[in-house]
């Protein structure tokens, strides 16, 4: 049995992986796929790939591309979710802010430097014609840290996936004042290069198994109720999310990598753009 470590956020996007693991599909193929939930998100998963704490990460496209322009320790081998991620822009439920325009010059809570919440703060600032070099940040580690930071007034707003935070909006813990979708596919599958060189056939088999599930995922009977129950969501919210979400069975193309790098470079998030082949590998 080949042992493989995989990491991802504890969010509804990743249910196909859990279903395949729980149904024994990887085991039947001789693969012991061990999943680690990473509530801290992309910045933490980049560190895990660097430090050999995981072999595979289901990770935000912009975050891993930023990482690989600086340190090409891993490669993107496939897009996992090709639709954009809808980032909700949240403030404390009792805050006086009521629109995104109220947040210029205010403190952005981020999970960590290099995380999606960090990078998308710049994307949102540019979208609203703010000075991107003047955004103050407060590192909060995870969603619980953001709740505490906003309620204590240490930060003013927090960007996180819209549906993950919906229960907090419904309860009045957060108030959502806007949205900011990513202008590219949101999640990709990244693999440590050392692991990929030694286990290309294993990785191909892993992709074959997960792709068979994601192709049919939306058509699984009562999948909306399963997702709602498992992730503490309302069925109607999950149904809306499902209608907006598309999984992928193909790799990232050169044009999309160029678009992401151009955006990150313009925002001074990366200092250089690198060759497509340093970021993407086909299996």
Protein backbone atom coordinates (compact mmCIF):
# COMPACT_ATOMS: atom_id res chain seq x y z
CA UNK A 1 0.00 0.00 0.00
CA UNK A 2 1.51 3.32 -1.12
CA UNK A 3 1.17 6.01 1.56
CA UNK A 4 0.39 9.49 0.22
CA UNK A 5 -0.20 12.69 2.20
CA UNK A 6 -2.75 15.23 0.93
CA UNK A 7 -3.89 18.54 2.44
CA UNK A 8 -6.77 20.92 1.81
CA UNK A 9 -9.13 23.37 3.45
CA UNK A 10 -12.05 21.94 5.47
CA UNK A 11 -14.61 23.26 3.01
CA UNK A 12 -17.37 21.85 0.80
CA UNK A 13 -15.21 22.01 -2.36
CA UNK A 14 -13.22 19.05 -1.06
CA UNK A 15 -16.07 16.64 -0.30
CA UNK A 16 -15.25 14.59 -3.46
CA UNK A 17 -11.87 13.70 -1.91
CA UNK A 18 -13.45 12.63 1.37
CA UNK A 19 -16.04 10.53 -0.44
CA UNK A 20 -13.36 8.68 -2.41
CA UNK A 21 -11.33 8.08 0.75
CA UNK A 22 -14.33 6.97 2.82
CA UNK A 23 -15.61 4.71 0.02
CA UNK A 24 -12.24 2.97 -0.12
CA UNK A 25 -11.58 3.85 -3.76
CA UNK A 26 -7.95 4.80 -3.21
CA UNK A 27 -7.38 1.76 -0.99
CA UNK A 28 -8.69 -0.52 -3.74
CA UNK A 29 -6.05 0.99 -6.03
CA UNK A 30 -3.30 0.28 -3.46
CA UNK A 31 -3.07 3.90 -2.25
CA UNK A 32 -3.35 4.89 1.41
CA UNK A 33 -4.32 8.54 0.93
CA UNK A 34 -4.11 10.39 4.25
CA UNK A 35 -6.03 13.70 4.32
CA UNK A 36 -5.10 16.65 6.56
CA UNK A 37 -7.51 19.54 7.05
CA UNK A 38 -5.71 22.90 6.94
CA UNK A 39 -8.04 25.64 8.23
CA UNK A 40 -5.19 28.18 7.93
CA UNK A 41 -5.44 27.86 4.14
CA UNK A 42 -3.04 28.40 1.26
CA UNK A 43 -0.10 30.02 3.04
CA UNK A 44 0.11 27.11 5.47
CA UNK A 45 -0.19 24.54 2.65
CA UNK A 46 2.66 26.20 0.74
CA UNK A 47 4.80 25.79 3.86
CA UNK A 48 3.70 22.13 4.17
CA UNK A 49 4.73 21.41 0.58
CA UNK A 50 8.08 23.16 1.16
CA UNK A 51 8.74 21.23 4.36
CA UNK A 52 7.66 17.80 3.06
CA UNK A 53 4.68 17.72 5.45
CA UNK A 54 2.34 16.89 2.56
CA UNK A 55 2.81 15.40 -0.90
CA UNK A 56 -0.28 16.99 -2.47
CA UNK A 57 -2.22 20.17 -1.74
CA UNK A 58 -5.63 21.30 -2.99
CA UNK A 59 -4.72 24.95 -3.04
CA UNK A 60 -5.71 28.38 -4.33
CA UNK A 61 -4.36 29.07 -7.81
CA UNK A 62 -2.96 32.54 -7.11
CA UNK A 63 -1.30 31.45 -3.86
CA UNK A 64 0.59 28.49 -5.27
CA UNK A 65 1.63 30.41 -8.39
CA UNK A 66 3.06 33.16 -6.19
CA UNK A 67 4.92 30.51 -4.18
CA UNK A 68 6.33 28.75 -7.25
CA UNK A 69 7.72 31.95 -8.77
CA UNK A 70 9.86 32.21 -5.63
CA UNK A 71 10.57 28.56 -4.84
CA UNK A 72 9.78 25.91 -7.49
CA UNK A 73 9.51 22.98 -5.07
CA UNK A 74 6.17 21.75 -6.44
CA UNK A 75 4.10 21.76 -9.61
CA UNK A 76 0.47 22.23 -10.56
CA UNK A 77 -0.73 18.99 -12.16
CA UNK A 78 -4.42 19.82 -12.63
CA UNK A 79 -7.16 22.35 -12.03
CA UNK A 80 -9.52 21.03 -9.35
CA UNK A 81 -12.26 23.71 -9.42
CA UNK A 82 -12.37 25.78 -12.61
CA UNK A 83 -15.05 28.27 -11.56
CA UNK A 84 -14.01 31.42 -9.67
CA UNK A 85 -13.93 31.56 -5.89
CA UNK A 86 -16.44 34.08 -4.57
CA UNK A 87 -14.71 35.91 -1.73
CA UNK A 88 -17.08 37.54 0.73
CA UNK A 89 -15.87 40.81 2.27
CA UNK A 90 -16.87 40.67 5.92
CA UNK A 91 -16.93 43.03 8.87
CA UNK A 92 -18.00 42.46 12.46
CA UNK A 93 -21.75 42.06 12.78
CA UNK A 94 -21.98 45.21 14.93
CA UNK A 95 -19.56 47.32 12.88
CA UNK A 96 -20.60 50.66 11.45
CA UNK A 97 -19.30 49.74 7.99
CA UNK A 98 -22.00 49.05 5.39
CA UNK A 99 -20.15 49.01 2.06
CA UNK A 100 -16.75 48.15 0.63
CA UNK A 101 -16.04 51.85 0.11
CA UNK A 102 -16.09 52.29 3.90
CA UNK A 103 -13.05 50.03 4.19
CA UNK A 104 -10.41 52.06 2.35
CA UNK A 105 -7.36 52.53 4.64
CA UNK A 106 -8.87 50.06 7.13
CA UNK A 107 -7.10 46.98 8.53
CA UNK A 108 -7.49 43.74 6.58
CA UNK A 109 -7.45 40.53 8.63
CA UNK A 110 -5.51 37.80 6.83
CA UNK A 111 -4.79 34.18 7.75
CA UNK A 112 -1.08 34.60 7.00
CA UNK A 113 1.25 36.33 4.54
CA UNK A 114 0.95 34.73 1.09
CA UNK A 115 -2.51 33.37 1.85
CA UNK A 116 -5.56 33.81 -0.36
CA UNK A 117 -7.02 36.34 2.07
CA UNK A 118 -3.77 38.32 1.79
CA UNK A 119 -3.50 38.22 -2.01
CA UNK A 120 -7.19 38.94 -2.58
CA UNK A 121 -6.96 42.00 -0.34
CA UNK A 122 -4.69 43.46 -3.02
CA UNK A 123 -7.01 42.35 -5.84
CA UNK A 124 -9.96 43.95 -4.06
CA UNK A 125 -8.00 47.15 -3.39
CA UNK A 126 -7.02 47.48 -7.04
CA UNK A 127 -10.61 46.81 -8.12
CA UNK A 128 -11.71 49.74 -5.94
CA UNK A 129 -8.81 52.03 -7.00
CA UNK A 130 -7.27 52.08 -3.53
CA UNK A 131 -3.55 52.50 -2.85
CA UNK A 132 -2.39 48.90 -2.65
CA UNK A 133 0.87 49.84 -0.94
CA UNK A 134 -1.02 51.35 2.00
CA UNK A 135 -3.16 48.39 3.11
CA UNK A 136 -2.56 47.58 6.80
CA UNK A 137 -2.77 43.88 7.71
CA UNK A 138 -3.45 41.88 10.85
CA UNK A 139 -2.48 38.18 10.81
CA UNK A 140 -5.27 36.10 12.39
CA UNK A 141 -4.29 32.51 11.34
CA UNK A 142 -7.77 31.17 10.63
CA UNK A 143 -11.50 31.87 10.65
CA UNK A 144 -11.78 31.72 14.45
CA UNK A 145 -8.92 34.19 14.68
CA UNK A 146 -10.73 36.52 12.27
CA UNK A 147 -13.92 36.38 14.34
CA UNK A 148 -11.98 37.40 17.44
CA UNK A 149 -9.95 40.06 15.63
CA UNK A 150 -12.99 41.78 14.09
CA UNK A 151 -15.03 41.66 17.29
CA UNK A 152 -12.12 43.09 19.34
CA UNK A 153 -11.50 45.85 16.80
CA UNK A 154 -7.94 44.72 16.02
CA UNK A 155 -8.90 44.56 12.33
CA UNK A 156 -11.78 45.90 10.26
CA UNK A 157 -12.55 43.41 7.50
CA UNK A 158 -11.85 39.85 6.46
CA UNK A 159 -12.09 38.16 3.07
CA UNK A 160 -13.05 34.48 3.01
CA UNK A 161 -15.06 32.14 0.81
CA UNK A 162 -18.65 33.41 0.73
CA UNK A 163 -20.48 30.18 1.53
CA UNK A 164 -18.09 28.98 4.22
CA UNK A 165 -18.82 32.17 6.16
CA UNK A 166 -22.56 32.28 5.36
CA UNK A 167 -23.60 30.70 8.71
CA UNK A 168 -21.62 33.44 10.49
CA UNK A 169 -23.44 36.09 8.43
CA UNK A 170 -26.80 34.46 9.20
CA UNK A 171 -26.02 34.45 12.94
CA UNK A 172 -24.96 38.12 12.92
CA UNK A 173 -21.34 37.36 13.86
CA UNK A 174 -20.25 38.78 10.50
CA UNK A 175 -21.84 41.28 8.15
CA UNK A 176 -21.02 40.83 4.46
CA UNK A 177 -20.57 44.20 2.74
CA UNK A 178 -19.39 42.98 -0.66
CA UNK A 179 -17.96 40.22 -2.82
CA UNK A 180 -14.81 39.81 -4.90
CA UNK A 181 -14.61 36.84 -7.31
CA UNK A 182 -11.24 35.55 -8.48
CA UNK A 183 -10.62 36.31 -12.18
CA UNK A 184 -9.28 32.75 -12.71
CA UNK A 185 -10.00 29.10 -11.74
CA UNK A 186 -9.90 28.93 -7.97
CA UNK A 187 -8.42 25.58 -6.83
CA UNK A 188 -5.61 23.53 -8.33
CA UNK A 189 -3.86 20.29 -7.38
CA UNK A 190 -0.21 20.91 -6.52
CA UNK A 191 2.33 18.13 -5.96
CA UNK A 192 5.85 18.19 -4.55
CA UNK A 193 8.28 17.72 -7.42
CA UNK A 194 10.30 15.08 -5.55
CA UNK A 195 7.15 13.03 -4.97
CA UNK A 196 6.01 13.51 -8.57
CA UNK A 197 9.29 12.29 -10.07
CA UNK A 198 9.20 9.13 -7.98
CA UNK A 199 5.45 8.46 -8.14
CA UNK A 200 4.14 9.66 -11.49
CA UNK A 201 2.00 6.54 -12.07
CA UNK A 202 0.56 6.80 -8.54
CA UNK A 203 -0.35 10.44 -9.11
CA UNK A 204 -1.96 9.59 -12.44
CA UNK A 205 -4.09 6.98 -10.68
CA UNK A 206 -5.09 9.45 -7.94
CA UNK A 207 -6.22 11.94 -10.59
CA UNK A 208 -8.14 9.24 -12.46
CA UNK A 209 -10.06 8.32 -9.30
CA UNK A 210 -10.89 11.87 -8.19
CA UNK A 211 -11.83 12.95 -11.73
CA UNK A 212 -14.33 10.11 -12.06
CA UNK A 213 -16.02 11.41 -8.90
CA UNK A 214 -15.99 15.12 -9.74
CA UNK A 215 -17.45 14.47 -13.20
CA UNK A 216 -20.55 12.97 -11.59
CA UNK A 217 -20.50 14.84 -8.27
CA UNK A 218 -23.42 17.21 -8.91
CA UNK A 219 -25.64 14.31 -9.98
CA UNK A 220 -25.22 12.24 -6.81
CA UNK A 221 -28.69 11.84 -5.26
CA UNK A 222 -29.31 14.30 -2.38
CA UNK A 223 -25.75 15.66 -2.62
CA UNK A 224 -27.10 19.08 -1.64
CA UNK A 225 -28.45 17.67 1.64
CA UNK A 226 -25.25 15.74 2.28
CA UNK A 227 -23.15 18.88 1.83
CA UNK A 228 -25.50 21.02 3.94
CA UNK A 229 -25.45 18.52 6.81
CA UNK A 230 -21.71 17.93 6.70
CA UNK A 231 -20.66 21.58 6.51
CA UNK A 232 -23.39 23.21 8.63
CA UNK A 233 -25.02 25.02 5.72
CA UNK A 234 -28.58 25.71 4.63
CA UNK A 235 -29.71 23.51 1.72
CA UNK A 236 -30.72 26.55 -0.35
CA UNK A 237 -27.24 28.08 0.07
CA UNK A 238 -25.60 24.83 -0.99
CA UNK A 239 -27.88 24.62 -4.01
CA UNK A 240 -26.83 28.12 -5.06
CA UNK A 241 -23.17 27.25 -4.50
CA UNK A 242 -23.49 24.05 -6.55
CA UNK A 243 -25.04 26.01 -9.42
CA UNK A 244 -22.00 28.31 -9.48
CA UNK A 245 -19.28 25.68 -9.01
CA UNK A 246 -17.60 23.64 -11.73
CA UNK A 247 -14.95 21.00 -11.12
CA UNK A 248 -12.27 20.32 -13.70
CA UNK A 249 -10.46 17.29 -15.08
CA UNK A 250 -7.90 19.29 -17.08
CA UNK A 251 -4.67 21.07 -16.32
CA UNK A 252 -4.05 24.80 -16.14
CA UNK A 253 -3.25 26.33 -19.53
CA UNK A 254 -0.42 28.71 -20.33
CA UNK A 255 -2.74 31.67 -20.95
CA UNK A 256 -4.30 31.41 -17.49
CA UNK A 257 -0.90 31.14 -15.80
CA UNK A 258 0.14 34.27 -17.69
CA UNK A 259 -3.01 36.12 -16.58
CA UNK A 260 -2.41 35.23 -12.93
CA UNK A 261 1.29 36.12 -13.05
CA UNK A 262 0.56 39.42 -14.82
CA UNK A 263 -1.97 40.37 -12.14
CA UNK A 264 0.34 39.42 -9.28
CA UNK A 265 3.24 41.26 -10.89
CA UNK A 266 1.18 44.42 -11.44
CA UNK A 267 0.16 44.34 -7.79
CA UNK A 268 3.82 43.91 -6.70
CA UNK A 269 2.93 40.59 -5.08
CA UNK A 270 5.61 38.81 -7.13
CA UNK A 271 8.93 40.32 -8.18
CA UNK A 272 9.35 38.25 -11.35
CA UNK A 273 7.38 36.14 -13.80
CA UNK A 274 8.66 32.64 -14.55
CA UNK A 275 8.32 30.14 -17.36
CA UNK A 276 5.08 28.16 -17.58
CA UNK A 277 7.01 24.89 -17.28
CA UNK A 278 8.34 25.92 -13.87
CA UNK A 279 4.77 26.05 -12.57
CA UNK A 280 2.78 23.40 -14.48
CA UNK A 281 3.60 19.76 -15.20
CA UNK A 282 1.43 17.40 -17.22
CA UNK A 283 1.13 13.79 -16.15
